[in-house]
């Protein structure tokens, strides 16, 4: 059984994140919430997802990010078979860029 399924997820953390209004507020919150190592892992996974969505190959991603092939593969599985969270973020960021031009 998946550990995540043993205890229902709480919406409180996600609601708290939605209250943040600036990148600096997000950085402060996540600096308080996570260890440096946890943040580095999260940021690395996001960067890997960005590169994969741009069509970059594993070896180039490994070179640019230092991520292991296992991490790259795991992120790729999330992009391909996950819940679509990355796609939502990438689409909205692209829309924000086009709106700002």
Foldseek 3Di string as FASTA:
>chain_A
DDPCVVDDDDCVVVVVCVVDDDPVSVVVVVPVVDPPVVVLLVVLLLVLLVCVVVVHDPVVSCVVRVDDSVSSVVSVCCCVPNPCPSVVVVVVVVVVVVVVD
